[in-house]
Amino acid sequence: MRRFRGNLQAGAGLVGLLAIAAGAAPYLASDIAWVSRGPGGVRFPILGSADLRRVAGAEEQPVLRAPIPYGPDLTDLDAILTAPSGRHWLGTDGLGRDVASRVLHGGRVSLTVGLAATAVALLLGLPLGAVAGYAGGAVDAAVSRLVEAVLCIPVLLLALALLTASPPALRGLPDTLLLASVIGLASWAPVARYLRGEFLRLRQSEMALLARASGAGPLRVIVRHLLPSALPPVIVAAAFGVAAAILLEAALSFLGLGVRPPTPSWGGMLTEARHHVDRAWWLALFPGAALFLAVLGCNMLGEGLRDLLDPRQRRR
């Protein structure tokens, strides 16, 4: 009991901390001052639009800056490949950009892709698994063969194929949404398999039989009675799926198929680190550590949820 509660709390805390840091990145790491003073008095440039902030800031003196006073794309050719120091906490890259700022802003891309890809996988896997498990027969056989076919292909290879042959509707999406859609389309099969198994177990249960006897239609039986009882393994799979999606996004970005520069992402930063790994160790260490912590937090959260939702664990 203490073990899974510890995993659940530690995982939720770690993921929550990373999500808060990524969400607040535009305020924590920015070359725009929090508070400035000028002819018009005291202002808060960080709260305005980007264009207005920079135009107004030209005639104003900053009073309070962000903890990391560098934007993710701000270059400093006099500080190329600077080691971690009091000025640049995590050092700079080959263009003089602050690594700490780029790690924070890169978390927005990686975590957004992980969550959005899992949402896409759930949107596809939940209805297919529910229909297959409840209907049985030919419908179940068709969906099961489709799930098996998808599971036979490595997710990375399937994602690469989808990125290469993506339809025009997907190509018109922003890079983050495109990656999330492709990863979700490549990783829905485990969700459908888990839900199908739960529906096969529950469809002849007393709960389902009573619901049908009272006149409830198939849709009501599925949504109102069976789905809530079948969700625990799907929730656990979704938590692990977020970690897998974050890793897959990093792999695609590492291969040059992720978000396009100069938008930072952890995988893209690791790609840049390859060119300087012999003399700038910090370029690989800090994005890799952020990626490791995000995946660790999601996996610990998934393990905690699995133990919490397991009836055998609750009896102990």
Protein backbone atom coordinates (compact mmCIF):
# COMPACT_ATOMS: atom_id res chain seq x y z
CA MET A 1 0.00 0.00 0.00
CA ARG A 2 2.71 2.46 0.94
CA ARG A 3 4.73 1.52 -2.13
CA PHE A 4 2.06 2.28 -4.72
CA ARG A 5 0.97 5.40 -2.88
CA GLY A 6 4.59 6.54 -2.95
CA ASN A 7 4.83 5.84 -6.69
CA LEU A 8 1.56 7.61 -7.36
CA GLN A 9 2.46 10.70 -5.34
CA ALA A 10 6.04 10.88 -6.63
CA GLY A 11 4.96 10.38 -10.25
CA ALA A 12 2.12 12.90 -10.03
CA GLY A 13 4.40 15.40 -8.29
CA LEU A 14 7.18 15.02 -10.84
CA VAL A 15 4.86 15.25 -13.85
CA GLY A 16 3.00 18.17 -12.28
CA LEU A 17 6.23 20.04 -11.58
CA LEU A 18 7.45 19.57 -15.15
CA ALA A 19 4.06 20.60 -16.54
CA ILE A 20 4.01 23.76 -14.40
CA ALA A 21 7.55 24.66 -15.42
CA ALA A 22 6.75 24.10 -19.10
CA GLY A 23 3.49 26.03 -18.89
CA ALA A 24 5.19 28.97 -17.19
CA ALA A 25 8.21 28.91 -19.54
CA PRO A 26 7.23 32.16 -21.36
CA TYR A 27 7.38 33.94 -17.99
CA LEU A 28 10.26 32.07 -16.34
CA ALA A 29 12.61 32.23 -19.34
CA SER A 30 12.21 35.39 -21.39
CA ASP A 31 14.24 38.39 -22.52
CA ILE A 32 11.15 40.53 -21.92
CA ALA A 33 11.17 42.26 -18.52
CA TRP A 34 8.51 41.48 -15.95
CA VAL A 35 8.40 45.09 -14.78
CA SER A 36 9.82 48.15 -16.55
CA ARG A 37 9.80 51.89 -16.01
CA GLY A 38 9.55 54.48 -18.76
CA PRO A 39 7.98 57.79 -19.72
CA GLY A 40 4.52 56.36 -19.11
CA GLY A 41 5.35 55.03 -15.65
CA VAL A 42 5.60 51.45 -14.46
CA ARG A 43 4.49 48.76 -16.91
CA PHE A 44 4.38 44.97 -17.08
CA PRO A 45 5.72 44.16 -20.56
CA ILE A 46 5.62 40.39 -19.98
CA LEU A 47 1.81 40.52 -19.98
CA GLY A 48 1.49 42.20 -23.40
CA SER A 49 1.71 40.86 -26.93
CA ALA A 50 5.16 40.12 -28.29
CA ASP A 51 5.26 43.02 -30.78
CA LEU A 52 4.01 45.62 -28.29
CA ARG A 53 6.38 44.38 -25.59
CA ARG A 54 9.46 44.81 -27.75
CA VAL A 55 8.50 48.18 -29.24
CA ALA A 56 7.61 49.66 -25.85
CA GLY A 57 10.65 48.11 -24.22
CA ALA A 58 13.05 50.04 -26.46
CA GLU A 59 12.45 53.26 -24.47
CA GLU A 60 12.03 51.69 -21.06
CA GLN A 61 14.39 50.47 -18.37
CA PRO A 62 13.78 46.99 -16.94
CA VAL A 63 13.10 46.94 -13.23
CA LEU A 64 12.49 43.21 -12.72
CA ARG A 65 13.54 40.51 -15.16
CA ALA A 66 12.60 36.86 -15.50
CA PRO A 67 14.67 34.35 -13.47
CA ILE A 68 16.19 33.24 -16.79
CA PRO A 69 16.48 36.54 -18.72
CA TYR A 70 16.95 34.93 -22.12
CA GLY A 71 14.41 33.89 -24.73
CA PRO A 72 14.77 30.44 -26.31
CA ASP A 73 15.82 31.92 -29.67
CA LEU A 74 17.97 34.79 -28.37
CA THR A 75 21.48 34.37 -29.78
CA ASP A 76 24.70 35.73 -28.33
CA LEU A 77 27.67 35.19 -30.62
CA ASP A 78 30.01 36.25 -27.83
CA ALA A 79 28.81 33.40 -25.60
CA ILE A 80 28.94 30.39 -27.95
CA LEU A 81 29.34 27.05 -26.15
CA THR A 82 29.72 28.67 -22.75
CA ALA A 83 29.85 26.19 -19.87
CA PRO A 84 27.25 26.41 -17.07
CA SER A 85 27.83 29.50 -14.99
CA GLY A 86 26.02 32.11 -12.93
CA ARG A 87 25.06 33.96 -16.11
CA HIS A 88 23.89 30.91 -18.07
CA TRP A 89 22.83 28.29 -15.53
CA LEU A 90 22.94 25.38 -17.97
CA GLY A 91 25.38 26.86 -20.48
CA THR A 92 24.81 27.90 -24.08
CA ASP A 93 24.65 26.06 -27.41
CA GLY A 94 26.48 26.53 -30.71
CA LEU A 95 24.57 29.73 -31.48
CA GLY A 96 24.93 31.23 -28.03
CA ARG A 97 21.35 30.43 -27.02
CA ASP A 98 20.66 29.76 -23.34
CA VAL A 99 20.20 26.04 -22.72
CA ALA A 100 18.06 26.51 -19.59
CA SER A 101 15.59 28.65 -21.53
CA ARG A 102 15.44 26.14 -24.37
CA VAL A 103 14.96 23.20 -21.99
CA LEU A 104 11.98 24.93 -20.36
CA HIS A 105 10.42 25.93 -23.67
CA GLY A 106 11.20 22.52 -25.17
CA GLY A 107 9.17 20.91 -22.41
CA ARG A 108 6.08 22.66 -23.78
CA VAL A 109 6.49 20.82 -27.08
CA SER A 110 7.39 17.42 -25.64
CA LEU A 111 4.68 17.34 -22.96
CA THR A 112 2.02 18.73 -25.32
CA VAL A 113 2.81 16.09 -27.92
CA GLY A 114 2.73 13.34 -25.28
CA LEU A 115 -0.66 14.36 -23.89
CA ALA A 116 -2.24 15.14 -27.26
CA ALA A 117 -0.99 11.90 -28.82
CA THR A 118 -2.45 9.90 -25.94
CA ALA A 119 -5.77 11.73 -26.39
CA VAL A 120 -5.79 10.78 -30.10
CA ALA A 121 -4.98 7.16 -29.21
CA LEU A 122 -7.88 7.10 -26.72
CA LEU A 123 -10.28 8.63 -29.24
CA LEU A 124 -9.47 5.83 -31.67
CA GLY A 125 -8.94 2.92 -29.28
CA LEU A 126 -11.90 3.40 -26.95
CA PRO A 127 -14.74 3.05 -29.51
CA LEU A 128 -13.03 0.29 -31.45
CA GLY A 129 -12.25 -1.75 -28.35
CA ALA A 130 -15.71 -1.22 -26.87
CA VAL A 131 -17.53 -2.22 -30.05
CA ALA A 132 -15.32 -5.26 -30.60
CA GLY A 133 -15.69 -6.52 -27.04
CA TYR A 134 -19.44 -5.93 -26.83
CA ALA A 135 -20.51 -7.09 -30.29
CA GLY A 136 -18.25 -10.12 -30.62
CA GLY A 137 -18.49 -12.33 -33.68
CA ALA A 138 -17.40 -10.91 -37.04
CA VAL A 139 -16.99 -7.37 -35.67
CA ASP A 140 -14.68 -8.61 -32.94
CA ALA A 141 -12.69 -10.69 -35.42
CA ALA A 142 -12.25 -7.76 -37.82
CA VAL A 143 -11.14 -5.32 -35.12
CA SER A 144 -8.87 -7.91 -33.52
CA ARG A 145 -7.10 -8.59 -36.83
CA LEU A 146 -6.66 -4.84 -37.34
CA VAL A 147 -5.21 -4.46 -33.83
CA GLU A 148 -2.85 -7.39 -34.39
CA ALA A 149 -1.70 -5.95 -37.70
CA VAL A 150 -0.92 -2.58 -36.11
CA LEU A 151 0.86 -4.19 -33.18
CA CYS A 152 3.09 -6.18 -35.55
CA ILE A 153 4.64 -2.96 -36.85
CA PRO A 154 7.11 -1.13 -34.58
CA VAL A 155 5.58 2.16 -33.49
CA LEU A 156 8.58 4.19 -34.68
CA LEU A 157 8.45 2.67 -38.16
CA LEU A 158 4.68 3.20 -38.35
CA ALA A 159 5.07 6.82 -37.26
CA LEU A 160 7.78 7.36 -39.88
CA ALA A 161 5.52 5.87 -42.56
CA LEU A 162 2.61 8.07 -41.51
CA LEU A 163 4.82 11.17 -41.53
CA THR A 164 6.09 10.31 -44.98
CA ALA A 165 2.68 9.51 -46.48
CA SER A 166 0.53 11.83 -44.39
CA PRO A 167 -2.53 13.25 -46.23
CA PRO A 168 -2.76 16.98 -47.02
CA ALA A 169 -5.15 17.49 -44.10
CA LEU A 170 -2.42 16.42 -41.67
CA ARG A 171 0.37 18.26 -43.45
CA GLY A 172 -1.45 21.54 -42.96
CA LEU A 173 -1.37 21.17 -39.17
CA PRO A 174 1.22 22.88 -36.98
CA ASP A 175 4.25 20.71 -36.27
CA THR A 176 3.17 19.92 -32.70
CA LEU A 177 -0.33 18.80 -33.70
CA LEU A 178 1.04 16.89 -36.68
CA LEU A 179 3.41 14.92 -34.46
CA ALA A 180 0.67 14.29 -31.90
CA SER A 181 -1.74 13.05 -34.59
CA VAL A 182 0.85 10.74 -36.17
CA ILE A 183 1.97 9.29 -32.83
CA GLY A 184 -1.66 8.83 -31.74
CA LEU A 185 -2.51 7.05 -35.01
CA ALA A 186 0.47 4.76 -34.45
CA SER A 187 -0.26 3.89 -30.80
CA TRP A 188 -4.02 3.35 -30.40
CA ALA A 189 -3.88 -0.45 -30.68
CA PRO A 190 -2.94 -1.25 -27.03
CA VAL A 191 -5.86 0.86 -25.78
CA ALA A 192 -8.29 -1.01 -28.02
CA ARG A 193 -6.87 -4.39 -26.97
CA TYR A 194 -7.17 -3.65 -23.24
CA LEU A 195 -10.70 -2.31 -23.54
CA ARG A 196 -11.80 -5.22 -25.72
CA GLY A 197 -10.57 -7.68 -23.10
CA GLU A 198 -12.46 -5.87 -20.33
CA PHE A 199 -15.68 -5.76 -22.38
CA LEU A 200 -15.42 -9.47 -23.14
CA ARG A 201 -15.20 -10.08 -19.41
CA LEU A 202 -18.05 -7.74 -18.49
CA ARG A 203 -20.59 -8.14 -21.29
CA GLN A 204 -22.18 -11.24 -19.72
CA SER A 205 -21.90 -9.97 -16.17
CA GLU A 206 -24.93 -9.54 -13.96
CA MET A 207 -24.68 -5.78 -14.35
CA ALA A 208 -24.93 -5.97 -18.15
CA LEU A 209 -27.69 -8.57 -18.08
CA LEU A 210 -29.81 -6.45 -15.71
CA ALA A 211 -29.28 -3.37 -17.85
CA ARG A 212 -30.41 -5.19 -21.00
CA ALA A 213 -33.37 -6.70 -19.14
CA SER A 214 -34.50 -3.22 -18.11
CA GLY A 215 -34.69 -2.21 -21.77
CA ALA A 216 -31.37 -0.39 -22.16
CA GLY A 217 -30.01 -0.31 -25.70
CA PRO A 218 -26.46 -1.30 -26.66
CA LEU A 219 -25.16 2.26 -26.60
CA ARG A 220 -26.53 2.89 -23.11
CA VAL A 221 -25.18 -0.42 -21.82
CA ILE A 222 -21.74 0.37 -23.23
CA VAL A 223 -21.48 3.99 -22.09
CA ARG A 224 -23.43 3.92 -18.83
CA HIS A 225 -22.67 0.50 -17.41
CA LEU A 226 -19.68 -1.25 -19.00
CA LEU A 227 -17.28 1.59 -19.86
CA PRO A 228 -16.85 2.94 -16.29
CA SER A 229 -15.99 -0.54 -15.03
CA ALA A 230 -13.62 -1.21 -17.94
CA LEU A 231 -11.63 2.03 -17.72
CA PRO A 232 -9.03 1.24 -14.98
CA PRO A 233 -6.61 -0.70 -17.24
CA VAL A 234 -7.12 1.90 -19.98
CA ILE A 235 -6.23 4.72 -17.57
CA VAL A 236 -3.05 2.88 -16.62
CA ALA A 237 -2.23 2.28 -20.29
CA ALA A 238 -2.78 5.97 -21.00
CA ALA A 239 -0.29 6.99 -18.31
CA PHE A 240 2.35 4.70 -19.80
CA GLY A 241 1.30 5.90 -23.26
CA VAL A 242 2.19 9.49 -22.43
CA ALA A 243 5.72 8.39 -21.55
CA ALA A 244 6.00 6.36 -24.76
CA ALA A 245 4.70 9.30 -26.83
CA ILE A 246 7.25 11.67 -25.26
CA LEU A 247 10.04 9.25 -26.10
CA LEU A 248 8.73 8.78 -29.64
CA GLU A 249 8.54 12.55 -30.17
CA ALA A 250 12.14 12.84 -28.99
CA ALA A 251 13.19 10.05 -31.37
CA LEU A 252 11.46 11.70 -34.33
CA SER A 253 12.96 15.08 -33.45
CA PHE A 254 16.37 13.44 -33.10
CA LEU A 255 15.95 12.08 -36.64
CA GLY A 256 15.04 15.54 -37.91
CA LEU A 257 11.32 14.79 -38.35
CA GLY A 258 10.01 16.65 -35.30
CA VAL A 259 9.19 20.30 -34.86
CA ARG A 260 11.16 22.51 -37.19
CA PRO A 261 13.91 24.81 -35.88
CA PRO A 262 14.19 27.21 -34.21
CA THR A 263 11.33 25.87 -32.04
CA PRO A 264 13.08 23.97 -29.23
CA SER A 265 12.26 20.41 -28.23
CA TRP A 266 14.22 17.96 -26.12
CA GLY A 267 14.83 15.62 -29.03
CA GLY A 268 15.89 18.48 -31.29
CA MET A 269 18.32 19.73 -28.64
CA LEU A 270 19.86 16.26 -28.46
CA THR A 271 20.30 16.35 -32.23
CA GLU A 272 22.17 19.64 -31.94
CA ALA A 273 24.29 18.20 -29.12
CA ARG A 274 25.75 15.54 -31.44
CA HIS A 275 27.91 18.13 -33.16
CA HIS A 276 29.49 19.37 -29.93
CA VAL A 277 29.40 16.32 -27.67
CA ASP A 278 33.20 16.21 -27.39
CA ARG A 279 33.51 19.74 -25.95
CA ALA A 280 30.07 20.73 -24.67
CA TRP A 281 28.78 17.93 -22.42
CA TRP A 282 25.96 20.08 -21.06
CA LEU A 283 24.16 20.18 -24.42
CA ALA A 284 23.27 16.48 -24.13
CA LEU A 285 23.08 16.18 -20.34
CA PHE A 286 20.34 18.64 -19.50
CA PRO A 287 17.81 17.90 -22.30
CA GLY A 288 18.44 14.20 -21.71
CA ALA A 289 17.86 14.63 -17.97
CA ALA A 290 14.59 16.50 -18.61
CA LEU A 291 13.46 13.72 -20.96
CA PHE A 292 14.43 11.08 -18.41
CA LEU A 293 12.52 12.82 -15.60
CA ALA A 294 9.38 13.22 -17.73
CA VAL A 295 9.36 9.54 -18.73
CA LEU A 296 10.20 8.46 -15.17
CA GLY A 297 7.35 10.54 -13.75
CA CYS A 298 4.81 9.15 -16.23
CA ASN A 299 5.94 5.56 -15.59
CA MET A 300 5.79 6.01 -11.80
CA LEU A 301 2.34 7.53 -12.17
CA GLY A 302 1.26 4.59 -14.31
CA GLU A 303 2.62 2.06 -11.80
CA GLY A 304 0.89 3.85 -8.93
CA LEU A 305 -2.42 3.92 -10.80
CA ARG A 306 -2.07 0.26 -11.75
CA ASP A 307 -1.57 -0.79 -8.13
CA LEU A 308 -4.27 1.58 -6.87
CA LEU A 309 -6.89 0.36 -9.34
CA ASP A 310 -6.02 -3.33 -8.89
CA PRO A 311 -8.62 -4.94 -6.58
CA ARG A 312 -6.06 -7.48 -5.38
CA GLN A 313 -3.85 -4.65 -4.11
CA ARG A 314 -6.76 -2.88 -2.37
CA ARG A 315 -7.52 -6.01 -0.31
CA ARG A 316 -4.03 -5.99 1.24
